[in-house]
Amino acid sequence: MRTIEIRSGEDTIRLGQLLKLVDAVPTGAQVKDVLAGGDVLVNGEPEERRGRQLHRGDVVSVTGMEDVRIG
């Protein structure tokens, strides 16, 4: 499992930003398609909202990629 640290002073990161950060999608425009395909889980539950706020300790799973924990 890979850990991604949130910037100092920040409490959350949006799911769409995280997906771009970990190279799950090449562009922001493709985030919507990946989410609509049901390929993303947050804490084991399917998630389709690109604006979902992720907090420290959340785990994001994307089909075909290593899980990511928010640190």
Protein backbone atom coordinates (compact mmCIF):
# COMPACT_ATOMS: atom_id res chain seq x y z
CA MET A 1 0.00 0.00 0.00
CA ARG A 2 1.29 3.42 -0.97
CA THR A 3 0.86 6.46 1.31
CA ILE A 4 0.25 9.95 -0.06
CA GLU A 5 0.82 12.81 2.36
CA ILE A 6 -1.54 15.77 2.35
CA ARG A 7 0.28 19.10 2.18
CA SER A 8 1.15 20.70 5.49
CA GLY A 9 -1.73 22.85 6.70
CA GLU A 10 -4.31 20.96 4.62
CA ASP A 11 -6.88 18.60 6.13
CA THR A 12 -8.30 17.07 2.94
CA ILE A 13 -7.65 16.35 -0.72
CA ARG A 14 -10.33 15.87 -3.38
CA LEU A 15 -10.64 12.46 -4.99
CA GLY A 16 -10.15 13.88 -8.50
CA GLN A 17 -6.90 15.55 -7.42
CA LEU A 18 -5.64 12.34 -5.86
CA LEU A 19 -6.40 10.29 -8.97
CA LYS A 20 -4.32 12.69 -11.07
CA LEU A 21 -1.54 12.77 -8.45
CA VAL A 22 -1.11 8.97 -8.45
CA ASP A 23 -1.35 8.76 -12.26
CA ALA A 24 -4.61 6.79 -12.20
CA VAL A 25 -5.76 9.11 -15.01
CA PRO A 26 -3.62 11.09 -17.47
CA THR A 27 -5.87 14.17 -17.46
CA GLY A 28 -8.52 15.69 -15.24
CA ALA A 29 -11.07 15.26 -18.01
CA GLN A 30 -10.79 11.47 -17.69
CA VAL A 31 -11.48 11.38 -13.95
CA LYS A 32 -15.24 11.39 -14.54
CA ASP A 33 -15.02 8.37 -16.86
CA VAL A 34 -12.94 6.33 -14.40
CA LEU A 35 -15.34 7.12 -11.56
CA ALA A 36 -18.43 6.33 -13.66
CA GLY A 37 -16.92 2.96 -14.58
CA GLY A 38 -17.05 1.83 -10.95
CA ASP A 39 -13.29 1.33 -10.79
CA VAL A 40 -12.73 3.45 -7.66
CA LEU A 41 -13.41 2.47 -4.06
CA VAL A 42 -12.98 4.71 -1.02
CA ASN A 43 -12.68 2.75 2.22
CA GLY A 44 -14.11 -0.29 0.40
CA GLU A 45 -17.21 1.50 -0.93
CA PRO A 46 -17.76 2.48 -4.59
CA GLU A 47 -17.34 6.23 -5.18
CA GLU A 48 -18.43 8.29 -8.19
CA ARG A 49 -17.99 11.86 -6.87
CA ARG A 50 -14.74 13.44 -8.06
CA GLY A 51 -15.14 16.18 -5.43
CA ARG A 52 -15.28 13.69 -2.55
CA GLN A 53 -13.14 15.04 0.28
CA LEU A 54 -10.56 12.51 1.45
CA HIS A 55 -9.14 12.69 4.96
CA ARG A 56 -6.07 11.23 6.61
CA GLY A 57 -6.53 7.47 7.02
CA ASP A 58 -8.85 7.03 4.02
CA VAL A 59 -7.88 4.26 1.60
CA VAL A 60 -8.51 4.60 -2.13
CA SER A 61 -8.50 1.55 -4.39
CA VAL A 62 -8.40 1.84 -8.18
CA THR A 63 -8.74 -1.26 -10.35
CA GLY A 64 -5.30 -2.34 -11.55
CA MET A 65 -3.33 -0.08 -9.19
CA GLU A 66 -1.78 -0.31 -5.74
CA ASP A 67 -4.06 0.95 -2.95
CA VAL A 68 -3.37 4.45 -1.67
CA ARG A 69 -3.69 5.59 1.96
CA ILE A 70 -4.05 9.29 2.72
CA GLY A 71 -1.47 10.37 5.29
